[in-house]
Amino acid sequence: MDALHLFGFRYDAVHAGFVDDLLDALSDEQIRARPHGLNSIAWLLWHGDRVEDVAVNRFVADRPQVLLAGD
């Protein structure tokens, strides 16, 4: 098993189970809420996906990130 297959295998379980179940159980308002000014569940999920994207890019393309203007 190469690194990409290992990555996919490990994170399929996380996304297919935990994340989908979490999102199904909460309302949009709950997902976007920022309790005590902390990051929302939506932001935390986005950030986790962004980190995964950076890691996979390293294995697949090994190219600089493409960011929006002003980031």
Protein backbone atom coordinates (compact mmCIF):
# COMPACT_ATOMS: atom_id res chain seq x y z
CA MET A 1 0.00 0.00 0.00
CA ASP A 2 1.46 3.35 -0.99
CA ALA A 3 1.13 6.59 0.99
CA LEU A 4 -1.93 7.86 -0.92
CA HIS A 5 -3.87 4.64 -0.41
CA LEU A 6 -2.95 4.64 3.28
CA PHE A 7 -4.09 8.25 3.60
CA GLY A 8 -7.38 7.48 1.84
CA PHE A 9 -7.97 4.38 3.93
CA ARG A 10 -7.41 6.18 7.24
CA TYR A 11 -9.46 9.26 6.44
CA ASP A 12 -12.35 7.47 4.71
CA ALA A 13 -13.34 6.11 8.11
CA VAL A 14 -13.20 9.57 9.67
CA HIS A 15 -15.22 11.28 6.96
CA ALA A 16 -17.68 8.49 6.24
CA GLY A 17 -18.44 7.92 9.90
CA PHE A 18 -17.64 10.65 12.36
CA VAL A 19 -18.02 13.78 10.22
CA ASP A 20 -21.14 12.67 8.36
CA ASP A 21 -22.81 11.52 11.58
CA LEU A 22 -21.88 14.79 13.28
CA LEU A 23 -23.29 16.93 10.49
CA ASP A 24 -26.47 14.88 10.27
CA ALA A 25 -27.07 15.27 14.01
CA LEU A 26 -26.69 19.06 14.16
CA SER A 27 -28.61 21.96 12.68
CA ASP A 28 -26.93 24.53 10.43
CA GLU A 29 -27.15 27.01 13.32
CA GLN A 30 -25.32 24.62 15.66
CA ILE A 31 -22.63 23.89 13.07
CA ARG A 32 -21.97 27.61 12.56
CA ALA A 33 -22.23 28.67 16.22
CA ARG A 34 -19.13 30.20 17.81
CA PRO A 35 -19.48 29.50 21.54
CA HIS A 36 -17.62 32.04 23.63
CA GLY A 37 -16.04 33.43 20.43
CA LEU A 38 -14.23 30.18 19.66
CA ASN A 39 -14.09 28.58 16.21
CA SER A 40 -17.27 26.99 14.89
CA ILE A 41 -17.60 23.32 14.00
CA ALA A 42 -17.83 24.42 10.35
CA TRP A 43 -14.50 26.25 10.63
CA LEU A 44 -12.84 23.33 12.43
CA LEU A 45 -13.97 20.90 9.72
CA TRP A 46 -12.82 23.29 6.99
CA HIS A 47 -9.45 23.71 8.68
CA GLY A 48 -9.01 19.94 9.05
CA ASP A 49 -9.83 19.45 5.37
CA ARG A 50 -7.42 22.23 4.42
CA VAL A 51 -4.60 20.56 6.38
CA GLU A 52 -5.40 17.24 4.68
CA ASP A 53 -5.32 18.97 1.31
CA VAL A 54 -1.87 20.38 2.02
CA ALA A 55 -0.60 16.96 3.10
CA VAL A 56 -2.01 15.14 0.07
CA ASN A 57 -0.63 17.81 -2.27
CA ARG A 58 2.81 17.00 -0.91
CA PHE A 59 2.44 13.38 -2.06
CA VAL A 60 0.57 13.98 -5.33
CA ALA A 61 1.92 17.12 -6.96
CA ASP A 62 4.51 18.62 -4.62
CA ARG A 63 3.62 22.08 -5.89
CA PRO A 64 3.02 25.40 -4.11
CA GLN A 65 -0.45 26.02 -2.73
CA VAL A 66 -2.87 28.09 -4.76
CA LEU A 67 -4.41 30.71 -2.49
CA LEU A 68 -6.97 33.40 -3.19
CA ALA A 69 -5.80 36.96 -3.57
CA GLY A 70 -5.46 38.62 -0.20
CA ASP A 71 -4.84 35.37 1.72
